[in-house]
Amino acid sequence: METKLAVVHPDFAPPETLSENLRRQVTPELLSEFSHVAIVDLDVTVPSEFYSLPEKYDADIIGVNIVPSSRLYRAWEKATFWVKFRERVRDAATIYRTDFLTRVGGIPAVETPGTWLLMRTDKTVVAKEVTVIHNQNFSLRHSVKIQIRDGKSRAELHYSLQKTVLHSIFRVRPFVLFSYLYHKARRSPR
């Protein structure tokens, strides 16, 4: 089968969500025309070899090594990632097989579609030979916002309380736990 890669750049602002934006761009027509789709954030610098990864790897999801441009973010990640239960795939630059996306119904309508997709396959690879730069300046406001989103996502995807507590402690992300508890309470039947 010929490898044909479509590149999608999420570009949205609230009230639109990442999921809504991707569902609008990654259409059934796109999935039928291409063998793979790369979802690359606008604030990511990607080397040319990223685009040839589908020819090298037979996987539903291909991740890469993503490095923050901010020294502070980089130091924080190094300090808090010493416990890993599996290889980390980040959504800032990811390649998906279109037949996999078709099989699972396309981009899901959830807070973090990349995490939902990861939970539906065991055919994932991280191409460590490719490094992309996530161009983010340190922002406390952005960090808190992302933690709140991640907590909501964990509640939505039914992560366990224990796993979320450990994540919040070891990654030093307290708002993940608070957001998780809040959204878990909102979802539980009264």
Foldseek 3Di string as FASTA:
>chain_A
DDAFEAEAEQDDDPPDASLNSQPVVCDPVVLVVGFKYKYAYPQKAWDPVLVCVVVVADFQKEAEAEAEPEPVVNVLCVQQVPDDPDDDGDNNIMMGGSVLCVVVPHQDPALDSVVVSVVVDPRYYYPHVTYMYRYDYDDPVVLLVVLLSLLLRCLVVVPDLVVQVVCCVSSVRVSSNVNVVVNNVVPDDD
